[in-house]
Amino acid sequence: MAKHIFVIGGVLSSLGKGIASASIGFLLNRMGYKIGMQKLDPYLNVDPGTMSPYQHGEVYVTEDGGEADLDLGHYERYIGQSTSKASNATSGVIYEKVIQKERRGEYDGNTVQVIPHVTDEIKLMFRKISENKDIVFTEIGGTVGDIEILPFLEAIRQYRFEIGLQNSLVIFLTYVPYMKAAGESKSKPAQHSIIKLREIGIQPDIILCRTEKDFDEDITSKIALYSNVPYTHVKAAVDTDCVYEIPKNFYNAGIHELICNHFNLEIKPVDFSVWDEFIYNKDNPECEANLIMCGKYVEHQDAYISVDEAIKHAAALNKIKINIISVDSEKYFTTKEYDELFKNANGVLVPGGFGPRGIDGKIDIINYARVNNIPFLGICLGMQLAVIEFARNVCGLDDAFSTEFQENCLDPIINLSHKIKVDGTYAGIMRLGAYPCHLKEGSMAKKLYSSDTAQERHRHRYELNNKYRDLLEENGMYITGTSPDGLLTEIIEIPKNHFFIGVQFHPEFQSRPDKPHDLFVGFIKAIKERVQS
């Protein structure tokens, strides 16, 4: 039977439950245990796919095509294994399943209620992720006290008694603020949140206290008293400049030992060597560079979090510090302002996105990067806009555009011409999940991947219109990556530029601290060469 760890939060959101779960999962995974990771969110959306990044950060995509919470990105980056659709569910999914069962008559005419029907469905999610695993983490979104979270907490209470308390463990992440005016930390918010959790019927086993400043034994004693856990099971989770240091911080705090002792598992050594090398390289760069990242959600720090992390991974490998300059693509610039913006810029990245807002700003910045031979990487929409810019300014197609933004444009260089067959019918639906990509001989893409093929994750509807392929290549933009049947464009390059690549997929989802993605490594290397030239 798999052991089950539940991670719950209190006081306020954004405490870092996902990072905490991933960091502890890192330790247990490096001990050799088979780890399962799961995030359950209380909101009623079926998935985050239709939610604005301003609301919930980026939408992470799993290999099997799940549109998921960004915490799954943390899990994959730290633990180094892929998640799936089963790794993320919402109240919307749970209630949808219950209603469908009721409509099919599966409840034999009984009154359908939160208890037991909704909680039973939640427990099925616990069991599903536990198959063939030694230890499973289930992180619950939101905080104790939210009305939406109650069915999930009740399901945890029931499930713990079903599998035995010795086979389950609750980690409660709470907040201990440091009051600068008083010069001391305060435990009262943590105390009240723990009391609320116990009122629901859940006794925490380990308390992680997120705090700006480490606190004294008096605070630890108070929290232990109110939580009814041993003093040694209350740990300070002190803020750090680099989240990748947290696994070692937790290791030094002995959290892995508490978990193994609770489950009666062997405490095995943890090898930090590759992880330490990544952190050392990050902290000891040979030089630094400025990278412009142009998007319409740049004000939200989590909107492009996987891209940000992939840049960090590749920068550490190349031993360079990358300063990301976020540029709001909805703001327009004069030529003089562009010159000032790019004066110290060494690279440009345009990430994915949907909708017409900010498109003109992105196209203008891509044009500046191409004309001035600044290393450029376009991801998903960034690749499509690079094609549009090139078609307009090099191929002479002044009206080149995407039918996503202008349905009746004269030259629909990006459109829905390649529709996907679903349930016997064709529809311009989202292409989601991992798809193979064939790499062209002699291309930079093939050189970077060191392979004939790549397997990359997608999240988009529109494709490059094959009608314009020959025209693009005649003018110097080449199709260097396609679907195996050659019908769908995956990668474009401009060979005459030092580094100019656009990809239809999202390489950032497969980048890891100990294994940076090949495209990001090549991109950051080109930036470093520009700095050092």
Protein backbone atom coordinates (compact mmCIF):
# COMPACT_ATOMS: atom_id res chain seq x y z
CA MET A 1 0.00 0.00 0.00
CA ALA A 2 1.25 3.46 -0.89
CA LYS A 3 1.90 5.89 1.94
CA HIS A 4 0.01 9.14 1.54
CA ILE A 5 1.16 12.67 2.43
CA PHE A 6 -1.40 15.48 2.40
CA VAL A 7 -0.15 19.06 2.15
CA ILE A 8 -2.61 21.69 3.39
CA GLY A 9 -2.21 25.44 3.90
CA GLY A 10 -3.51 28.04 6.32
CA VAL A 11 -3.63 31.81 6.99
CA LEU A 12 -3.11 32.94 3.37
CA SER A 13 -2.56 31.65 -0.15
CA SER A 14 0.72 31.64 -2.10
CA LEU A 15 2.67 30.31 0.89
CA GLY A 16 4.51 27.88 -1.37
CA LYS A 17 2.69 24.58 -0.83
CA GLY A 18 3.72 23.50 -4.32
CA ILE A 19 7.41 24.25 -3.73
CA ALA A 20 7.26 22.58 -0.31
CA SER A 21 5.63 19.45 -1.76
CA ALA A 22 8.12 19.33 -4.63
CA SER A 23 11.09 19.85 -2.30
CA ILE A 24 10.08 17.05 0.06
CA GLY A 25 9.23 14.88 -2.92
CA PHE A 26 12.74 15.58 -4.21
CA LEU A 27 14.26 14.17 -1.01
CA LEU A 28 12.16 11.01 -0.99
CA ASN A 29 12.65 10.48 -4.71
CA ARG A 30 16.43 10.79 -4.34
CA MET A 31 16.22 8.13 -1.63
CA GLY A 32 14.89 5.78 -4.27
CA TYR A 33 11.19 5.78 -3.39
CA LYS A 34 8.59 5.87 -6.18
CA ILE A 35 6.78 9.17 -5.80
CA GLY A 36 3.36 10.26 -7.01
CA MET A 37 2.33 13.92 -7.08
CA GLN A 38 -1.15 15.40 -7.18
CA LYS A 39 -2.73 18.86 -6.89
CA LEU A 40 -6.44 19.23 -6.12
CA ASP A 41 -7.93 22.70 -6.50
CA PRO A 42 -11.22 23.77 -4.90
CA TYR A 43 -12.34 26.18 -7.63
CA LEU A 44 -15.27 25.23 -9.89
CA ASN A 45 -13.52 25.65 -13.23
CA VAL A 46 -13.05 22.25 -14.82
CA ASP A 47 -9.40 23.13 -15.45
CA PRO A 48 -7.31 26.33 -15.57
CA GLY A 49 -7.27 26.30 -19.38
CA THR A 50 -9.86 29.06 -19.70
CA MET A 51 -8.58 31.14 -16.77
CA SER A 52 -6.61 34.34 -17.23
CA PRO A 53 -2.95 34.11 -16.19
CA TYR A 54 -3.67 37.13 -14.01
CA GLN A 55 -5.98 34.88 -11.99
CA HIS A 56 -3.93 31.74 -11.65
CA GLY A 57 -0.56 32.10 -13.32
CA GLU A 58 0.50 29.98 -16.27
CA VAL A 59 -1.38 26.93 -17.49
CA TYR A 60 0.95 23.94 -17.28
CA VAL A 61 0.57 21.18 -19.88
CA THR A 62 1.21 17.50 -19.14
CA GLU A 63 2.50 14.99 -21.68
CA ASP A 64 -0.94 13.41 -22.04
CA GLY A 65 -2.58 16.76 -22.77
CA GLY A 66 -3.84 17.90 -19.40
CA GLU A 67 -4.20 21.66 -18.85
CA ALA A 68 -3.09 21.87 -15.25
CA ASP A 69 -2.11 24.06 -12.33
CA LEU A 70 1.40 25.53 -12.42
CA ASP A 71 2.38 23.54 -9.31
CA LEU A 72 2.73 20.49 -11.56
CA GLY A 73 5.65 22.34 -13.13
CA HIS A 74 7.31 22.53 -9.72
CA TYR A 75 6.76 18.80 -9.22
CA GLU A 76 8.33 17.91 -12.56
CA ARG A 77 11.28 20.28 -12.23
CA TYR A 78 12.21 19.03 -8.74
CA ILE A 79 11.41 15.34 -9.00
CA GLY A 80 12.37 14.87 -12.63
CA GLN A 81 9.39 12.73 -13.63
CA SER A 82 6.35 13.54 -15.74
CA THR A 83 2.92 14.17 -14.28
CA SER A 84 -0.38 13.39 -16.03
CA LYS A 85 -4.05 14.38 -16.18
CA ALA A 86 -4.55 12.33 -13.02
CA SER A 87 -2.15 14.66 -11.21
CA ASN A 88 -4.56 17.60 -11.19
CA ALA A 89 -8.29 17.91 -10.58
CA THR A 90 -10.69 20.63 -9.48
CA SER A 91 -14.04 20.86 -7.75
CA GLY A 92 -15.44 21.38 -11.24
CA VAL A 93 -14.15 17.97 -12.34
CA ILE A 94 -15.37 16.27 -9.17
CA TYR A 95 -18.89 17.72 -9.31
CA GLU A 96 -19.10 17.03 -13.05
CA LYS A 97 -18.36 13.34 -12.43
CA VAL A 98 -20.90 13.12 -9.62
CA ILE A 99 -23.64 14.72 -11.74
CA GLN A 100 -22.85 12.43 -14.69
CA LYS A 101 -23.15 9.38 -12.43
CA GLU A 102 -26.45 10.66 -11.08
CA ARG A 103 -27.78 11.15 -14.61
CA ARG A 104 -26.79 7.57 -15.47
CA GLY A 105 -28.63 6.28 -12.42
CA GLU A 106 -25.50 4.92 -10.72
CA TYR A 107 -26.65 6.09 -7.27
CA ASP A 108 -29.75 3.83 -7.37
CA GLY A 109 -32.15 6.65 -6.68
CA ASN A 110 -30.41 7.84 -3.51
CA THR A 111 -30.21 11.51 -2.63
CA VAL A 112 -26.89 12.79 -3.97
CA GLN A 113 -24.95 14.70 -1.31
CA VAL A 114 -21.52 16.13 -0.61
CA ILE A 115 -21.05 13.34 1.94
CA PRO A 116 -20.65 10.61 0.82
CA HIS A 117 -20.87 11.10 -2.95
CA VAL A 118 -18.56 14.08 -3.53
CA THR A 119 -16.08 12.94 -0.88
CA ASP A 120 -16.09 9.42 -2.36
CA GLU A 121 -15.18 10.87 -5.76
CA ILE A 122 -12.31 12.80 -4.19
CA LYS A 123 -11.05 9.64 -2.49
CA LEU A 124 -11.08 7.91 -5.87
CA MET A 125 -8.63 10.58 -7.02
CA PHE A 126 -6.36 9.73 -4.05
CA ARG A 127 -6.44 6.04 -4.96
CA LYS A 128 -5.91 6.57 -8.67
CA ILE A 129 -2.66 8.47 -8.21
CA SER A 130 -1.42 5.88 -5.70
CA GLU A 131 -1.12 2.98 -8.13
CA ASN A 132 2.43 1.52 -8.28
CA LYS A 133 3.81 4.21 -5.96
CA ASP A 134 5.60 4.04 -2.61
CA ILE A 135 4.68 7.53 -1.42
CA VAL A 136 2.05 9.89 -2.80
CA PHE A 137 1.71 13.63 -2.21
CA THR A 138 -1.66 15.34 -2.51
CA GLU A 139 -1.53 19.11 -2.26
CA ILE A 140 -4.83 20.86 -1.60
CA GLY A 141 -5.20 24.33 -3.08
CA GLY A 142 -6.60 27.24 -1.11
CA THR A 143 -6.49 27.63 2.67
CA VAL A 144 -8.24 26.22 5.69
CA GLY A 145 -11.32 28.34 6.32
CA ASP A 146 -12.33 28.59 2.65
CA ILE A 147 -15.80 27.15 2.11
CA GLU A 148 -14.70 25.50 -1.16
CA ILE A 149 -12.01 23.42 0.53
CA LEU A 150 -14.30 21.66 3.04
CA PRO A 151 -15.21 18.60 0.88
CA PHE A 152 -11.51 17.94 0.25
CA LEU A 153 -10.62 18.15 3.93
CA GLU A 154 -13.52 15.87 4.83
CA ALA A 155 -12.32 13.38 2.21
CA ILE A 156 -8.84 13.48 3.76
CA ARG A 157 -10.29 12.89 7.24
CA GLN A 158 -12.19 9.84 5.99
CA TYR A 159 -9.34 8.49 3.87
CA ARG A 160 -6.83 8.61 6.72
CA PHE A 161 -8.98 6.32 8.83
CA GLU A 162 -9.62 4.00 5.90
CA ILE A 163 -5.92 3.40 5.15
CA GLY A 164 -4.71 3.84 8.73
CA LEU A 165 -3.08 6.83 10.36
CA GLN A 166 0.25 5.01 10.21
CA ASN A 167 -0.02 5.05 6.39
CA SER A 168 -0.90 8.74 6.06
CA LEU A 169 0.65 11.99 7.16
CA VAL A 170 -0.52 15.61 7.12
CA ILE A 171 1.91 18.47 6.53
CA PHE A 172 0.38 21.82 7.41
CA LEU A 173 1.99 24.90 5.90
CA THR A 174 1.18 28.07 7.81
CA TYR A 175 2.49 31.61 8.17
CA VAL A 176 4.46 33.23 10.98
CA PRO A 177 4.78 36.96 10.21
CA TYR A 178 7.70 39.04 11.43
CA MET A 179 6.52 42.40 12.79
CA LYS A 180 9.29 44.90 12.10
CA ALA A 181 7.76 47.55 14.35
CA ALA A 182 7.70 45.15 17.30
CA GLY A 183 10.93 43.44 16.31
CA GLU A 184 9.48 39.97 16.80
CA SER A 185 7.65 37.12 15.09
CA LYS A 186 4.00 36.44 15.85
CA SER A 187 2.52 32.94 16.13
CA LYS A 188 -1.16 33.84 16.59
CA PRO A 189 -2.19 33.52 12.88
CA ALA A 190 -0.58 30.08 12.77
CA GLN A 191 -2.24 29.04 16.03
CA HIS A 192 -5.72 29.99 14.82
CA SER A 193 -5.31 28.28 11.45
CA ILE A 194 -4.17 25.07 13.15
CA ILE A 195 -7.12 25.21 15.55
CA LYS A 196 -9.44 25.57 12.54
CA LEU A 197 -7.90 22.51 10.90
CA ARG A 198 -8.34 20.43 14.06
CA GLU A 199 -11.96 21.56 14.37
CA ILE A 200 -12.56 19.93 10.99
CA GLY A 201 -11.16 16.69 12.38
CA ILE A 202 -7.65 16.67 10.92
CA GLN A 203 -4.64 16.46 13.18
CA PRO A 204 -1.44 17.71 11.51
CA ASP A 205 1.73 15.65 11.89
CA ILE A 206 4.31 18.20 10.72
CA ILE A 207 4.00 22.01 10.78
CA LEU A 208 6.00 24.07 8.28
CA CYS A 209 6.03 27.74 9.22
CA ARG A 210 6.68 30.07 6.29
CA THR A 211 8.47 33.11 7.66
CA GLU A 212 10.68 35.99 6.57
CA LYS A 213 12.96 35.54 9.56
CA ASP A 214 13.82 32.51 11.67
CA PHE A 215 12.07 32.54 15.03
CA ASP A 216 13.04 31.48 18.55
CA GLU A 217 12.10 28.46 20.66
CA ASP A 218 9.22 30.31 22.30
CA ILE A 219 7.36 30.58 18.99
CA THR A 220 8.04 26.92 18.22
CA SER A 221 6.75 25.88 21.66
CA LYS A 222 3.52 27.88 21.27
CA ILE A 223 2.78 26.42 17.85
CA ALA A 224 3.55 22.89 19.06
CA LEU A 225 1.21 23.37 22.02
CA TYR A 226 -1.71 24.61 19.93
CA SER A 227 -1.19 22.07 17.15
CA ASN A 228 -0.79 19.11 19.52
CA VAL A 229 2.36 17.94 17.71
CA PRO A 230 5.84 17.36 19.16
CA TYR A 231 8.14 20.34 19.39
CA THR A 232 10.55 18.62 16.96
CA HIS A 233 7.82 18.45 14.30
CA VAL A 234 7.46 22.24 14.03
CA LYS A 235 9.90 23.57 11.42
CA ALA A 236 10.66 27.08 10.22
CA ALA A 237 10.46 27.43 6.44
CA VAL A 238 12.50 30.61 6.11
CA ASP A 239 12.35 32.66 2.89
CA THR A 240 15.25 32.10 0.53
CA ASP A 241 16.50 33.93 -2.55
CA CYS A 242 16.59 30.70 -4.55
CA VAL A 243 13.77 28.17 -4.32
CA TYR A 244 16.14 25.43 -5.48
CA GLU A 245 17.91 25.66 -2.12
CA ILE A 246 14.78 24.56 -0.27
CA PRO A 247 15.27 20.77 -0.67
CA LYS A 248 18.61 20.98 1.11
CA ASN A 249 17.13 23.31 3.75
CA PHE A 250 14.42 20.73 4.43
CA TYR A 251 17.04 17.98 4.44
CA ASN A 252 19.11 19.85 7.03
CA ALA A 253 15.94 20.34 9.08
CA GLY A 254 15.42 16.57 9.08
CA ILE A 255 11.96 16.62 7.53
CA HIS A 256 12.73 13.49 5.48
CA GLU A 257 13.66 11.69 8.70
CA LEU A 258 10.36 12.63 10.36
CA ILE A 259 8.45 11.26 7.38
CA CYS A 260 10.43 8.03 7.14
CA ASN A 261 10.10 7.42 10.89
CA HIS A 262 6.35 7.99 10.72
CA PHE A 263 5.98 5.49 7.87
CA ASN A 264 8.60 3.09 9.26
CA LEU A 265 10.65 3.46 6.07
CA GLU A 266 14.42 3.22 5.72
CA ILE A 267 16.23 6.57 5.80
CA LYS A 268 18.50 6.46 2.76
CA PRO A 269 21.23 8.91 1.67
CA VAL A 270 20.33 11.78 -0.67
CA ASP A 271 22.74 12.70 -3.47
CA PHE A 272 22.81 16.48 -3.97
CA SER A 273 25.88 16.58 -6.23
CA VAL A 274 24.21 17.54 -9.54
CA TRP A 275 21.78 19.87 -7.77
CA ASP A 276 24.65 21.55 -5.92
CA GLU A 277 26.52 22.02 -9.19
CA PHE A 278 23.51 23.79 -10.67
CA ILE A 279 23.24 26.13 -7.66
CA TYR A 280 26.99 26.80 -7.67
CA ASN A 281 26.97 27.72 -11.36
CA LYS A 282 23.95 29.95 -10.81
CA ASP A 283 25.70 31.77 -7.97
CA ASN A 284 29.06 32.08 -9.75
CA PRO A 285 28.43 33.36 -13.29
CA GLU A 286 31.26 34.31 -15.60
CA CYS A 287 29.31 37.27 -17.00
CA GLU A 288 25.79 38.66 -17.21
CA ALA A 289 23.37 39.68 -19.93
CA ASN A 290 20.00 41.35 -20.40
CA LEU A 291 17.13 39.44 -21.99
CA ILE A 292 13.97 41.19 -23.13
CA MET A 293 10.86 39.08 -22.61
CA CYS A 294 7.85 40.59 -24.33
CA GLY A 295 4.36 39.49 -23.28
CA LYS A 296 1.01 40.88 -22.19
CA TYR A 297 1.01 39.23 -18.75
CA VAL A 298 4.47 40.31 -17.62
CA GLU A 299 3.06 42.12 -14.56
CA HIS A 300 2.08 38.76 -13.06
CA GLN A 301 5.20 36.94 -11.84
CA ASP A 302 3.70 33.46 -12.34
CA ALA A 303 2.32 34.01 -15.85
CA TYR A 304 5.49 32.74 -17.56
CA ILE A 305 7.03 30.86 -14.65
CA SER A 306 8.17 27.80 -16.65
CA VAL A 307 9.89 30.07 -19.19
CA ASP A 308 11.59 31.98 -16.36
CA GLU A 309 12.81 28.74 -14.80
CA ALA A 310 14.01 27.29 -18.11
CA ILE A 311 16.08 30.45 -18.63
CA LYS A 312 17.62 29.99 -15.15
CA HIS A 313 18.46 26.36 -15.88
CA ALA A 314 20.17 27.15 -19.18
CA ALA A 315 21.90 30.21 -17.74
CA ALA A 316 23.47 28.15 -14.95
CA LEU A 317 24.76 25.58 -17.43
CA ASN A 318 26.27 28.39 -19.52
CA LYS A 319 27.60 30.10 -16.37
CA ILE A 320 25.95 33.40 -17.10
CA LYS A 321 23.55 35.56 -15.14
CA ILE A 322 20.47 36.54 -17.15
CA ASN A 323 18.57 39.67 -16.17
CA ILE A 324 15.05 39.38 -17.56
CA ILE A 325 13.64 42.72 -18.70
CA SER A 326 9.87 42.34 -18.90
CA VAL A 327 8.24 44.42 -21.62
CA ASP A 328 4.47 44.88 -21.76
CA SER A 329 3.55 44.19 -25.37
CA GLU A 330 0.45 46.41 -25.11
CA LYS A 331 2.66 49.48 -24.77
CA TYR A 332 3.82 51.12 -27.96
CA PHE A 333 7.24 52.66 -28.49
CA THR A 334 8.79 55.23 -30.75
CA THR A 335 11.95 54.41 -32.68
CA LYS A 336 13.95 56.40 -30.14
CA GLU A 337 12.44 54.43 -27.26
CA TYR A 338 13.20 51.14 -29.02
CA ASP A 339 16.82 52.17 -29.42
CA GLU A 340 16.98 52.99 -25.72
CA LEU A 341 15.22 49.74 -24.74
CA PHE A 342 17.54 47.60 -26.83
CA LYS A 343 20.74 49.53 -26.08
CA ASN A 344 21.85 46.98 -23.52
CA ALA A 345 19.71 44.04 -24.64
CA ASN A 346 21.49 40.83 -25.60
CA GLY A 347 18.51 38.64 -26.47
CA VAL A 348 14.75 38.65 -27.09
CA LEU A 349 12.16 36.05 -26.14
CA VAL A 350 8.46 36.16 -27.04
CA PRO A 351 6.46 33.50 -25.15
CA GLY A 352 3.10 31.94 -25.93
CA GLY A 353 -0.33 33.47 -25.50
CA PHE A 354 -3.83 33.81 -26.86
CA GLY A 355 -5.96 36.69 -28.13
CA PRO A 356 -5.33 39.92 -30.05
CA ARG A 357 -4.16 42.17 -27.21
CA GLY A 358 -0.54 43.25 -27.48
CA ILE A 359 0.09 41.61 -30.87
CA ASP A 360 1.42 44.74 -32.62
CA GLY A 361 3.92 45.36 -29.83
CA LYS A 362 5.28 41.83 -30.09
CA ILE A 363 5.60 42.04 -33.88
CA ASP A 364 7.52 45.30 -33.62
CA ILE A 365 9.95 43.88 -31.08
CA ILE A 366 10.49 40.75 -33.20
CA ASN A 367 11.24 43.00 -36.17
CA TYR A 368 13.84 44.93 -34.18
CA ALA A 369 15.51 41.70 -33.03
CA ARG A 370 15.60 40.21 -36.54
CA VAL A 371 16.89 43.34 -38.28
CA ASN A 372 19.57 43.95 -35.66
CA ASN A 373 20.62 40.29 -35.45
CA ILE A 374 19.79 39.97 -31.75
CA PRO A 375 19.41 36.33 -30.58
CA PHE A 376 15.69 35.52 -30.69
CA LEU A 377 13.51 32.67 -29.43
CA GLY A 378 9.78 32.62 -30.17
CA ILE A 379 7.54 30.13 -28.39
CA CYS A 380 4.14 29.09 -29.76
CA LEU A 381 2.45 32.45 -30.49
CA GLY A 382 5.96 33.96 -30.49
CA MET A 383 6.86 31.68 -33.40
CA GLN A 384 3.65 32.54 -35.29
CA LEU A 385 4.26 36.27 -34.90
CA ALA A 386 7.85 35.83 -36.11
CA VAL A 387 6.43 34.28 -39.29
CA ILE A 388 3.91 37.13 -39.68
CA GLU A 389 6.62 39.77 -39.18
CA PHE A 390 8.88 38.10 -41.75
CA ALA A 391 6.04 37.69 -44.27
CA ARG A 392 5.16 41.38 -43.99
CA ASN A 393 8.59 42.94 -43.94
CA VAL A 394 10.66 40.53 -46.06
CA CYS A 395 8.20 38.66 -48.29
CA GLY A 396 6.13 41.75 -49.09
CA LEU A 397 2.80 40.40 -47.82
CA ASP A 398 1.56 43.57 -46.14
CA ASP A 399 -1.71 41.95 -45.05
CA ALA A 400 -0.15 38.77 -43.65
CA PHE A 401 -1.81 37.90 -40.37
CA SER A 402 -3.43 35.15 -38.33
CA THR A 403 -7.13 34.37 -38.69
CA GLU A 404 -7.16 34.20 -34.89
CA PHE A 405 -6.92 37.99 -34.91
CA GLN A 406 -8.39 38.95 -38.31
CA GLU A 407 -10.63 36.35 -39.86
CA ASN A 408 -10.75 37.85 -43.36
CA CYS A 409 -7.13 38.93 -43.81
CA LEU A 410 -5.86 38.67 -47.41
CA ASP A 411 -2.88 36.50 -46.51
CA PRO A 412 -3.82 34.12 -43.65
CA ILE A 413 -0.31 32.86 -43.06
CA ILE A 414 -1.47 31.43 -39.71
CA ASN A 415 -4.85 29.72 -39.77
CA LEU A 416 -6.90 26.62 -38.96
CA SER A 417 -6.17 24.91 -42.27
CA HIS A 418 -4.97 21.79 -40.48
CA LYS A 419 -7.84 20.63 -38.35
CA ILE A 420 -7.75 17.69 -35.98
CA LYS A 421 -10.17 14.78 -36.28
CA VAL A 422 -12.08 14.06 -33.09
CA ASP A 423 -14.90 11.53 -32.71
CA GLY A 424 -15.18 11.16 -36.46
CA THR A 425 -15.52 14.88 -37.20
CA TYR A 426 -13.03 17.62 -38.00
CA ALA A 427 -12.80 20.68 -35.79
CA GLY A 428 -10.23 23.39 -35.14
CA ILE A 429 -9.64 22.30 -31.57
CA MET A 430 -6.67 22.74 -29.30
CA ARG A 431 -3.61 20.61 -29.97
CA LEU A 432 -2.63 19.55 -26.47
CA GLY A 433 0.12 17.38 -25.02
CA ALA A 434 3.25 15.76 -26.43
CA TYR A 435 3.69 15.31 -30.19
CA PRO A 436 6.73 14.13 -32.17
CA CYS A 437 8.76 16.53 -34.28
CA HIS A 438 11.04 15.54 -37.16
CA LEU A 439 14.18 17.68 -37.40
CA LYS A 440 15.68 18.71 -40.75
CA GLU A 441 19.18 17.60 -41.61
CA GLY A 442 21.74 20.40 -41.26
CA SER A 443 19.47 22.65 -39.22
CA MET A 444 20.40 24.41 -36.00
CA ALA A 445 17.47 22.65 -34.32
CA LYS A 446 18.90 19.22 -35.12
CA LYS A 447 22.32 20.35 -33.95
CA LEU A 448 20.89 21.55 -30.63
CA TYR A 449 18.83 18.42 -30.03
CA SER A 450 21.60 16.08 -31.29
CA SER A 451 18.81 13.89 -32.62
CA ASP A 452 16.60 13.32 -35.65
CA THR A 453 13.42 13.76 -33.63
CA ALA A 454 12.05 15.52 -30.58
CA GLN A 455 8.97 14.99 -28.43
CA GLU A 456 7.47 18.27 -27.26
CA ARG A 457 4.32 19.53 -25.56
CA HIS A 458 1.81 21.72 -27.35
CA ARG A 459 -1.04 24.06 -26.43
CA HIS A 460 -2.44 25.88 -29.44
CA ARG A 461 -5.08 25.84 -32.18
CA TYR A 462 -3.59 27.71 -35.10
CA GLU A 463 -0.87 26.47 -37.47
CA LEU A 464 1.38 27.86 -40.18
CA ASN A 465 -0.46 27.78 -43.52
CA ASN A 466 1.44 25.41 -45.84
CA LYS A 467 0.48 27.57 -48.82
CA TYR A 468 3.20 30.04 -47.77
CA ARG A 469 6.05 27.66 -46.95
CA ASP A 470 7.87 28.01 -50.29
CA LEU A 471 7.64 31.81 -50.19
CA LEU A 472 9.12 31.93 -46.69
CA GLU A 473 12.01 29.63 -47.61
CA GLU A 474 12.72 31.54 -50.83
CA ASN A 475 13.24 34.64 -48.70
CA GLY A 476 15.41 33.02 -46.02
CA MET A 477 13.10 31.63 -43.31
CA TYR A 478 13.29 27.82 -43.26
CA ILE A 479 10.98 25.15 -41.90
CA THR A 480 13.38 22.94 -39.94
CA GLY A 481 10.98 20.96 -37.78
CA THR A 482 7.72 19.32 -38.82
CA SER A 483 5.27 16.66 -37.72
CA PRO A 484 6.36 13.19 -38.93
CA ASP A 485 3.97 13.43 -41.91
CA GLY A 486 5.44 16.81 -42.82
CA LEU A 487 2.07 18.61 -42.70
CA LEU A 488 2.49 20.68 -39.54
CA THR A 489 5.27 23.20 -39.01
CA GLU A 490 6.99 22.87 -35.64
CA ILE A 491 10.20 24.91 -35.98
CA ILE A 492 11.30 27.87 -38.13
CA GLU A 493 14.81 29.32 -38.42
CA ILE A 494 16.58 32.19 -40.13
CA PRO A 495 20.08 30.76 -40.72
CA LYS A 496 21.68 34.05 -41.71
CA ASN A 497 21.02 35.42 -38.21
CA HIS A 498 23.24 34.37 -35.32
CA PHE A 499 20.29 32.74 -33.52
CA PHE A 500 16.71 33.14 -34.70
CA ILE A 501 14.40 30.22 -33.91
CA GLY A 502 10.66 29.93 -33.42
CA VAL A 503 8.94 26.79 -32.14
CA GLN A 504 5.25 25.92 -32.20
CA PHE A 505 5.52 23.91 -28.98
CA HIS A 506 6.44 24.77 -25.39
CA PRO A 507 9.99 23.55 -24.65
CA GLU A 508 9.95 25.22 -21.22
CA PHE A 509 7.74 22.46 -19.82
CA GLN A 510 10.55 19.91 -20.15
CA SER A 511 13.43 21.93 -18.74
CA ARG A 512 14.92 20.79 -15.42
CA PRO A 513 17.64 22.31 -13.18
CA ASP A 514 19.81 19.23 -13.69
CA LYS A 515 18.83 18.86 -17.38
CA PRO A 516 18.18 22.22 -19.08
CA HIS A 517 16.28 22.11 -22.36
CA ASP A 518 18.47 22.00 -25.47
CA LEU A 519 16.78 24.97 -27.17
CA PHE A 520 17.16 27.21 -24.13
CA VAL A 521 20.78 26.10 -23.73
CA GLY A 522 21.51 27.09 -27.33
CA PHE A 523 19.63 30.37 -27.00
CA ILE A 524 21.45 31.41 -23.82
CA LYS A 525 24.76 30.30 -25.32
CA ALA A 526 24.13 32.63 -28.27
CA ILE A 527 23.40 35.46 -25.84
CA LYS A 528 26.65 34.77 -23.99
CA GLU A 529 28.60 34.79 -27.26
CA ARG A 530 27.06 38.17 -28.10
CA VAL A 531 28.10 39.55 -24.70
CA GLN A 532 31.64 38.26 -25.01
CA SER A 533 32.17 39.24 -28.66
